[in-house]
Amino acid sequence: MGDIVIKEVLTKHELREFIYLPSKIHKNDPDWLPPLYMDEWVLFNKKKNRSYKYADAVLYLAYRNKKPAGRIMGLINKRYNSLKDEKHARLCFMDTYEDQEVVHALLIKTEEWARENGMVKIVGPLGFSDKDPQGFQIEGFEHPRLFTAATNSPYLPRMVENEGYIKEVDLVNYLVPIPNELPPLYNRAFNRITGTREFKLIEFKSKKEIKPYIIPVLELMNDTFMDIYGFVPLNDQEKRDLAKRYLPILDPKFIKLVEVEGILIGFIIGMPDLTKGIIAIKGKLLPFGIFKIFKEMKKTRKLMLMLGGIKDIYRGNGIDILMGISMLNSARNSNMEVIDSHLILETNTRMRAECERLNGKIIKRFRIYQKGLL
């Protein structure tokens, strides 16, 4: 089959090969979901991606017969390791043809890099933060791809397991039908909560109204996500960058907040599914791709739950029901038919129970792997 050569990506030409290799690997899959290439060029640029200030990373390309055959990123998130007192490396953005030898060569090279940098364990797929795809999909390939999750082929996790990688943790993805009528339990809880003056539900009609709340929401996210596996808190500049990136595509009616005496204590953010739009434009936003995405967002009947959190001391007081019912009402009024839960850690029993109480079913499962390096 020819020799395999592993090269570190150092030139712009090599970076282009790295970024566009998945489109070649999946060229015969009409439903393959490409990344947004404009974002990819920023993500892998050490001068433009601020995450490199707290993370070390290396990109590798595998060549067979002098042609790109696979790729991987090795990552050491020094901020996360410091917070958790760990010495863990991460693997991410891995893709290959169905070739065990290429997978072996890429993983061995990444493991060597991690050991040389003093790491004792490697986990992944995990990127810089929760904004990046997490895990390899291992179940549910019969369902449409999600722009919020990994898009690997079914063979890739199997080949990674062949290299000694075992389960670290799973994430599950629920599809929840939007009910015409809510269970009586929800209505009673909603009436009880709205009957008090303590909790104030905040809803929006315009993006202008959203702007003052974006940074406080991201600050609350930092607070409420601290114990979630793999989460890295955003610094002030990253909050501004994230706000700037997502504000243009946020729909005000799918943002729900709760305050107590003017202090933000809970939030939930949904977004119409833009997966079909990204497939239609083949990942290219310019010059007119963004308009096609907006068109598909208006046509979709699926609402994606992107983020949500409640301040610790207020959990168990029905804040989730207050925001959830408001979100369901907005979704129903917008002719949405289903809600996609995004990825939920399998250990998050509270959120999983809420999905199942609304007849949600697991349609996909994603796995983060681990391997000791000692």
Foldseek 3Di string as FASTA:
>chain_A
DADKDKDWDDDPVSLVCLQCVVCVLCVVPLQFFHAQVVVSVQQPDCVRDPLVVQKDKIKMFMDGPNHTFKIKMKMDRNQVCVVVVALEIEIAPIAGHLDLVRVLVRVVVSLVVSVVVPHFKYKFPDDSAQQGATFDWQFQPVDHDANNHDRYDNNVVVSVVVNVKDFDFKWFKWKFFQDPDDPVVLVVLQCVVVVDPFKDKDADDDLVVCVVCQLVVLVLCLQFCVPPPRHDRDDPVRSVVVCVVCSVQFHRQQKMWMDGPPHTFKIWGKGQGQRVLSSVVVSHPPPPSVVSSVVVSLVALEIETDDIGGHVVCPPSCPCSNSVVSNSVSSVVSNRTIYMDRIGTPPPVVVVVVRVSSVIDTNIMGGMIMDTSD
